[in-house]
């Protein structure tokens, strides 16, 4: 289960996870989150993608890292 709270993207921008929802057609789990900069838009991203690792400059790291409530 994904923790609700603040996360830092590997590109160093912060976001707040609001919850996990299911797509009404496919039932795929989607993370609902808000940008904590600029216009504070709401976003959605597949849970599998949100929690996956990415490779940056040859280093494997989480796409998003939990930083607190």
PDB file of N, CA and C in Angstrom:
ATOM      1  N   UNK A   1       0.835  -1.189   0.000  1.00  0.00           N
ATOM      2  CA  UNK A   1       0.000   0.000   0.000  1.00  0.00           C
ATOM      3  C   UNK A   1       0.879   1.252   0.000  1.00  0.00           C
ATOM      4  N   UNK A   2       0.525   2.197  -0.830  1.00  0.00           N
ATOM      5  CA  UNK A   2       1.289   3.428  -0.968  1.00  0.00           C
ATOM      6  C   UNK A   2       0.935   4.395   0.163  1.00  0.00           C
ATOM      7  N   UNK A   3       1.951   4.959   0.811  1.00  0.00           N
ATOM      8  CA  UNK A   3       1.722   5.923   1.895  1.00  0.00           C
ATOM      9  C   UNK A   3       1.200   7.237   1.322  1.00  0.00           C
ATOM     10  N   UNK A   4       0.248   7.832   2.039  1.00  0.00           N
ATOM     11  CA  UNK A   4      -0.221   9.171   1.713  1.00  0.00           C
ATOM     12  C   UNK A   4       0.811  10.144   2.272  1.00  0.00           C
ATOM     13  N   UNK A   5       1.120  11.190   1.543  1.00  0.00           N
ATOM     14  CA  UNK A   5       2.073  12.174   2.025  1.00  0.00           C
ATOM     15  C   UNK A   5       2.902  12.762   0.906  1.00  0.00           C
ATOM     16  N   UNK A   6       4.023  13.343   1.270  1.00  0.00           N
ATOM     17  CA  UNK A   6       4.874  14.046   0.316  1.00  0.00           C
ATOM     18  C   UNK A   6       5.945  13.125  -0.242  1.00  0.00           C
ATOM     19  N   UNK A   7       6.196  13.316  -1.538  1.00  0.00           N
ATOM     20  CA  UNK A   7       7.201  12.541  -2.260  1.00  0.00           C
ATOM     21  C   UNK A   7       8.069  13.488  -3.068  1.00  0.00           C
ATOM     22  N   UNK A   8       9.310  13.099  -3.260  1.00  0.00           N
ATOM     23  CA  UNK A   8      10.221  13.841  -4.122  1.00  0.00           C
ATOM     24  C   UNK A   8      10.484  13.004  -5.366  1.00  0.00           C
ATOM     25  N   UNK A   9      10.249  13.605  -6.520  1.00  0.00           N
ATOM     26  CA  UNK A   9      10.527  12.976  -7.810  1.00  0.00           C
ATOM     27  C   UNK A   9      12.044  12.964  -8.017  1.00  0.00           C
ATOM     28  N   UNK A  10      12.526  12.034  -8.798  1.00  0.00           N
ATOM     29  CA  UNK A  10      13.978  11.952  -9.001  1.00  0.00           C
ATOM     30  C   UNK A  10      14.547  13.218  -9.645  1.00  0.00           C
ATOM     31  N   UNK A  11      13.690  14.035 -10.253  1.00  0.00           N
ATOM     32  CA  UNK A  11      14.146  15.311 -10.818  1.00  0.00           C
ATOM     33  C   UNK A  11      14.064  16.446  -9.801  1.00  0.00           C
ATOM     34  N   UNK A  12      13.845  16.076  -8.521  1.00  0.00           N
ATOM     35  CA  UNK A  12      13.904  16.992  -7.377  1.00  0.00           C
ATOM     36  C   UNK A  12      12.709  17.923  -7.223  1.00  0.00           C
ATOM     37  N   UNK A  13      11.579  17.607  -7.811  1.00  0.00           N
ATOM     38  CA  UNK A  13      10.340  18.356  -7.586  1.00  0.00           C
ATOM     39  C   UNK A  13       9.507  17.589  -6.562  1.00  0.00           C
ATOM     40  N   UNK A  14       8.765  18.316  -5.715  1.00  0.00           N
ATOM     41  CA  UNK A  14       7.965  17.686  -4.667  1.00  0.00           C
ATOM     42  C   UNK A  14       6.493  17.595  -5.052  1.00  0.00           C
ATOM     43  N   UNK A  15       5.859  16.520  -4.561  1.00  0.00           N
ATOM     44  CA  UNK A  15       4.459  16.213  -4.853  1.00  0.00           C
ATOM     45  C   UNK A  15       3.802  15.689  -3.587  1.00  0.00           C
ATOM     46  N   UNK A  16       2.481  15.794  -3.522  1.00  0.00           N
ATOM     47  CA  UNK A  16       1.727  15.248  -2.405  1.00  0.00           C
ATOM     48  C   UNK A  16       0.759  14.194  -2.925  1.00  0.00           C
ATOM     49  N   UNK A  17       0.929  12.965  -2.450  1.00  0.00           N
ATOM     50  CA  UNK A  17       0.019  11.886  -2.834  1.00  0.00           C
ATOM     51  C   UNK A  17      -1.260  12.029  -2.022  1.00  0.00           C
ATOM     52  N   UNK A  18      -2.378  12.057  -2.736  1.00  0.00           N
ATOM     53  CA  UNK A  18      -3.695  12.196  -2.127  1.00  0.00           C
ATOM     54  C   UNK A  18      -4.324  10.830  -1.897  1.00  0.00           C
ATOM     55  N   UNK A  19      -4.072   9.907  -2.821  1.00  0.00           N
ATOM     56  CA  UNK A  19      -4.626   8.565  -2.677  1.00  0.00           C
ATOM     57  C   UNK A  19      -4.402   7.736  -3.921  1.00  0.00           C
ATOM     58  N   UNK A  20      -4.946   6.533  -3.889  1.00  0.00           N
ATOM     59  CA  UNK A  20      -4.883   5.626  -5.034  1.00  0.00           C
ATOM     60  C   UNK A  20      -6.314   5.358  -5.468  1.00  0.00           C
ATOM     61  N   UNK A  21      -6.576   5.516  -6.751  1.00  0.00           N
ATOM     62  CA  UNK A  21      -7.904   5.299  -7.317  1.00  0.00           C
ATOM     63  C   UNK A  21      -7.801   4.232  -8.406  1.00  0.00           C
ATOM     64  N   UNK A  22      -8.943   3.706  -8.823  1.00  0.00           N
ATOM     65  CA  UNK A  22      -8.963   2.735  -9.915  1.00  0.00           C
ATOM     66  C   UNK A  22      -9.611   3.350 -11.142  1.00  0.00           C
ATOM     67  N   UNK A  23      -8.998   3.125 -12.296  1.00  0.00           N
ATOM     68  CA  UNK A  23      -9.578   3.554 -13.556  1.00  0.00           C
ATOM     69  C   UNK A  23     -10.942   2.880 -13.711  1.00  0.00           C
ATOM     70  N   UNK A  24     -11.949   3.639 -14.085  1.00  0.00           N
ATOM     71  CA  UNK A  24     -13.309   3.100 -14.142  1.00  0.00           C
ATOM     72  C   UNK A  24     -13.503   2.074 -15.251  1.00  0.00           C
ATOM     73  N   UNK A  25     -12.658   2.073 -16.256  1.00  0.00           N
ATOM     74  CA  UNK A  25     -12.783   1.123 -17.362  1.00  0.00           C
ATOM     75  C   UNK A  25     -11.883  -0.101 -17.183  1.00  0.00           C
ATOM     76  N   UNK A  26     -10.624   0.151 -16.823  1.00  0.00           N
ATOM     77  CA  UNK A  26      -9.641  -0.942 -16.781  1.00  0.00           C
ATOM     78  C   UNK A  26      -9.375  -1.447 -15.366  1.00  0.00           C
ATOM     79  N   UNK A  27      -9.791  -0.683 -14.359  1.00  0.00           N
ATOM     80  CA  UNK A  27      -9.539  -0.975 -12.950  1.00  0.00           C
ATOM     81  C   UNK A  27      -8.056  -0.916 -12.585  1.00  0.00           C
ATOM     82  N   UNK A  28      -7.251  -0.329 -13.475  1.00  0.00           N
ATOM     83  CA  UNK A  28      -5.833  -0.135 -13.165  1.00  0.00           C
ATOM     84  C   UNK A  28      -5.723   0.857 -12.011  1.00  0.00           C
ATOM     85  N   UNK A  29      -4.846   0.562 -11.048  1.00  0.00           N
ATOM     86  CA  UNK A  29      -4.642   1.457  -9.921  1.00  0.00           C
ATOM     87  C   UNK A  29      -3.829   2.665 -10.363  1.00  0.00           C
ATOM     88  N   UNK A  30      -4.345   3.850 -10.022  1.00  0.00           N
ATOM     89  CA  UNK A  30      -3.727   5.118 -10.403  1.00  0.00           C
ATOM     90  C   UNK A  30      -3.453   5.937  -9.152  1.00  0.00           C
ATOM     91  N   UNK A  31      -2.280   6.540  -9.089  1.00  0.00           N
ATOM     92  CA  UNK A  31      -1.939   7.422  -7.975  1.00  0.00           C
ATOM     93  C   UNK A  31      -2.461   8.821  -8.311  1.00  0.00           C
ATOM     94  N   UNK A  32      -3.187   9.404  -7.378  1.00  0.00           N
ATOM     95  CA  UNK A  32      -3.673  10.780  -7.514  1.00  0.00           C
ATOM     96  C   UNK A  32      -2.757  11.644  -6.663  1.00  0.00           C
ATOM     97  N   UNK A  33      -2.125  12.627  -7.283  1.00  0.00           N
ATOM     98  CA  UNK A  33      -1.164  13.446  -6.549  1.00  0.00           C
ATOM     99  C   UNK A  33      -1.183  14.876  -7.044  1.00  0.00           C
ATOM    100  N   UNK A  34      -0.667  15.771  -6.210  1.00  0.00           N
ATOM    101  CA  UNK A  34      -0.662  17.199  -6.510  1.00  0.00           C
ATOM    102  C   UNK A  34       0.774  17.703  -6.580  1.00  0.00           C
ATOM    103  N   UNK A  35       1.029  18.526  -7.585  1.00  0.00           N
ATOM    104  CA  UNK A  35       2.311  19.221  -7.662  1.00  0.00           C
ATOM    105  C   UNK A  35       2.412  20.190  -6.493  1.00  0.00           C
ATOM    106  N   UNK A  36       3.559  20.297  -5.873  1.00  0.00           N
ATOM    107  CA  UNK A  36       3.768  21.253  -4.786  1.00  0.00           C
ATOM    108  C   UNK A  36       4.624  22.424  -5.262  1.00  0.00           C
ATOM    109  N   UNK A  37       4.395  22.830  -6.497  1.00  0.00           N
ATOM    110  CA  UNK A  37       5.086  23.968  -7.089  1.00  0.00           C
ATOM    111  C   UNK A  37       4.241  24.489  -8.251  1.00  0.00           C
ATOM    112  N   UNK A  38       4.599  25.642  -8.760  1.00  0.00           N
ATOM    113  CA  UNK A  38       3.912  26.287  -9.885  1.00  0.00           C
ATOM    114  C   UNK A  38       2.407  26.390  -9.651  1.00  0.00           C
ATOM    115  N   UNK A  39       1.621  25.656 -10.432  1.00  0.00           N
ATOM    116  CA  UNK A  39       0.166  25.791 -10.404  1.00  0.00           C
ATOM    117  C   UNK A  39      -0.549  24.789  -9.493  1.00  0.00           C
ATOM    118  N   UNK A  40       0.187  23.899  -8.834  1.00  0.00           N
ATOM    119  CA  UNK A  40      -0.376  22.926  -7.884  1.00  0.00           C
ATOM    120  C   UNK A  40      -1.443  22.027  -8.522  1.00  0.00           C
ATOM    121  N   UNK A  41      -1.292  21.743  -9.804  1.00  0.00           N
ATOM    122  CA  UNK A  41      -2.235  20.879 -10.518  1.00  0.00           C
ATOM    123  C   UNK A  41      -2.320  19.491  -9.900  1.00  0.00           C
ATOM    124  N   UNK A  42      -3.493  18.875 -10.057  1.00  0.00           N
ATOM    125  CA  UNK A  42      -3.651  17.459  -9.723  1.00  0.00           C
ATOM    126  C   UNK A  42      -3.181  16.632 -10.905  1.00  0.00           C
ATOM    127  N   UNK A  43      -2.583  15.495 -10.610  1.00  0.00           N
ATOM    128  CA  UNK A  43      -2.080  14.587 -11.638  1.00  0.00           C
ATOM    129  C   UNK A  43      -2.485  13.165 -11.291  1.00  0.00           C
ATOM    130  N   UNK A  44      -2.459  12.284 -12.277  1.00  0.00           N
ATOM    131  CA  UNK A  44      -2.617  10.851 -12.040  1.00  0.00           C
ATOM    132  C   UNK A  44      -1.527  10.132 -12.814  1.00  0.00           C
ATOM    133  N   UNK A  45      -1.106   9.004 -12.264  1.00  0.00           N
ATOM    134  CA  UNK A  45      -0.064   8.187 -12.895  1.00  0.00           C
ATOM    135  C   UNK A  45      -0.328   6.758 -12.449  1.00  0.00           C
ATOM    136  N   UNK A  46      -0.135   5.782 -13.338  1.00  0.00           N
ATOM    137  CA  UNK A  46      -0.311   4.390 -12.915  1.00  0.00           C
ATOM    138  C   UNK A  46       0.566   4.072 -11.704  1.00  0.00           C
ATOM    139  N   UNK A  47      -0.010   3.368 -10.734  1.00  0.00           N
ATOM    140  CA  UNK A  47       0.728   3.007  -9.520  1.00  0.00           C
ATOM    141  C   UNK A  47       2.018   2.275  -9.866  1.00  0.00           C
ATOM    142  N   UNK A  48       1.959   1.352 -10.804  1.00  0.00           N
ATOM    143  CA  UNK A  48       3.154   0.575 -11.177  1.00  0.00           C
ATOM    144  C   UNK A  48       4.283   1.495 -11.633  1.00  0.00           C
ATOM    145  N   UNK A  49       3.940   2.545 -12.356  1.00  0.00           N
ATOM    146  CA  UNK A  49       4.947   3.497 -12.825  1.00  0.00           C
ATOM    147  C   UNK A  49       5.434   4.379 -11.675  1.00  0.00           C
ATOM    148  N   UNK A  50       4.525   4.793 -10.797  1.00  0.00           N
ATOM    149  CA  UNK A  50       4.872   5.662  -9.674  1.00  0.00           C
ATOM    150  C   UNK A  50       5.920   5.013  -8.778  1.00  0.00           C
ATOM    151  N   UNK A  51       5.778   3.710  -8.532  1.00  0.00           N
ATOM    152  CA  UNK A  51       6.683   3.029  -7.591  1.00  0.00           C
ATOM    153  C   UNK A  51       7.887   2.373  -8.259  1.00  0.00           C
ATOM    154  N   UNK A  52       8.006   2.484  -9.578  1.00  0.00           N
ATOM    155  CA  UNK A  52       9.122   1.821 -10.249  1.00  0.00           C
ATOM    156  C   UNK A  52      10.429   2.581 -10.062  1.00  0.00           C
ATOM    157  N   UNK A  53      11.517   1.898 -10.342  1.00  0.00           N
ATOM    158  CA  UNK A  53      12.844   2.504 -10.333  1.00  0.00           C
ATOM    159  C   UNK A  53      13.173   3.010 -11.720  1.00  0.00           C
ATOM    160  N   UNK A  54      14.023   4.037 -11.770  1.00  0.00           N
ATOM    161  CA  UNK A  54      14.503   4.593 -13.026  1.00  0.00           C
ATOM    162  C   UNK A  54      16.020   4.613 -12.992  1.00  0.00           C
ATOM    163  N   UNK A  55      16.620   4.666 -14.159  1.00  0.00           N
ATOM    164  CA  UNK A  55      18.078   4.763 -14.244  1.00  0.00           C
ATOM    165  C   UNK A  55      18.453   6.181 -14.644  1.00  0.00           C
ATOM    166  N   UNK A  56      19.291   6.815 -13.821  1.00  0.00           N
ATOM    167  CA  UNK A  56      19.743   8.174 -14.081  1.00  0.00           C
ATOM    168  C   UNK A  56      21.255   8.196 -13.971  1.00  0.00           C
ATOM    169  N   UNK A  57      21.914   8.536 -15.057  1.00  0.00           N
ATOM    170  CA  UNK A  57      23.378   8.588 -15.085  1.00  0.00           C
ATOM    171  C   UNK A  57      23.998   7.281 -14.598  1.00  0.00           C
ATOM    172  N   UNK A  58      23.400   6.155 -14.995  1.00  0.00           N
ATOM    173  CA  UNK A  58      23.922   4.845 -14.640  1.00  0.00           C
ATOM    174  C   UNK A  58      23.553   4.372 -13.245  1.00  0.00           C
ATOM    175  N   UNK A  59      22.802   5.176 -12.505  1.00  0.00           N
ATOM    176  CA  UNK A  59      22.403   4.819 -11.144  1.00  0.00           C
ATOM    177  C   UNK A  59      20.909   4.506 -11.113  1.00  0.00           C
ATOM    178  N   UNK A  60      20.549   3.409 -10.441  1.00  0.00           N
ATOM    179  CA  UNK A  60      19.147   3.021 -10.282  1.00  0.00           C
ATOM    180  C   UNK A  60      18.602   3.688  -9.024  1.00  0.00           C
ATOM    181  N   UNK A  61      17.447   4.344  -9.177  1.00  0.00           N
ATOM    182  CA  UNK A  61      16.824   5.024  -8.037  1.00  0.00           C
ATOM    183  C   UNK A  61      15.311   5.001  -8.201  1.00  0.00           C
ATOM    184  N   UNK A  62      14.583   5.200  -7.102  1.00  0.00           N
ATOM    185  CA  UNK A  62      13.119   5.249  -7.198  1.00  0.00           C
ATOM    186  C   UNK A  62      12.676   6.469  -8.000  1.00  0.00           C
ATOM    187  N   UNK A  63      11.610   6.325  -8.782  1.00  0.00           N
ATOM    188  CA  UNK A  63      11.046   7.476  -9.498  1.00  0.00           C
ATOM    189  C   UNK A  63      10.575   8.526  -8.479  1.00  0.00           C
ATOM    190  N   UNK A  64       9.888   8.067  -7.411  1.00  0.00           N
ATOM    191  CA  UNK A  64       9.425   8.939  -6.333  1.00  0.00           C
ATOM    192  C   UNK A  64       9.901   8.357  -4.999  1.00  0.00           C
ATOM    193  N   UNK A  65      10.353   9.233  -4.098  1.00  0.00           N
ATOM    194  CA  UNK A  65      10.811   8.832  -2.774  1.00  0.00           C
ATOM    195  C   UNK A  65       9.944   9.529  -1.730  1.00  0.00           C
ATOM    196  N   UNK A  66       9.413   8.749  -0.799  1.00  0.00           N
ATOM    197  CA  UNK A  66       8.596   9.285   0.286  1.00  0.00           C
ATOM    198  C   UNK A  66       9.449  10.171   1.175  1.00  0.00           C
ATOM    199  N   UNK A  67       8.971  11.401   1.469  1.00  0.00           N
ATOM    200  CA  UNK A  67       9.733  12.314   2.315  1.00  0.00           C
ATOM    201  C   UNK A  67       8.960  12.751   3.559  1.00  0.00           C
ATOM    202  N   UNK A  68       7.751  12.256   3.750  1.00  0.00           N
ATOM    203  CA  UNK A  68       7.013  12.560   4.978  1.00  0.00           C
ATOM    204  C   UNK A  68       5.581  12.992   4.729  1.00  0.00           C
ATOM    205  N   UNK A  69       4.928  13.330   5.851  1.00  0.00           N
ATOM    206  CA  UNK A  69       3.512  13.706   5.781  1.00  0.00           C
ATOM    207  C   UNK A  69       3.285  15.131   5.401  1.00  0.00           C
TER     208      UNK A  69
END
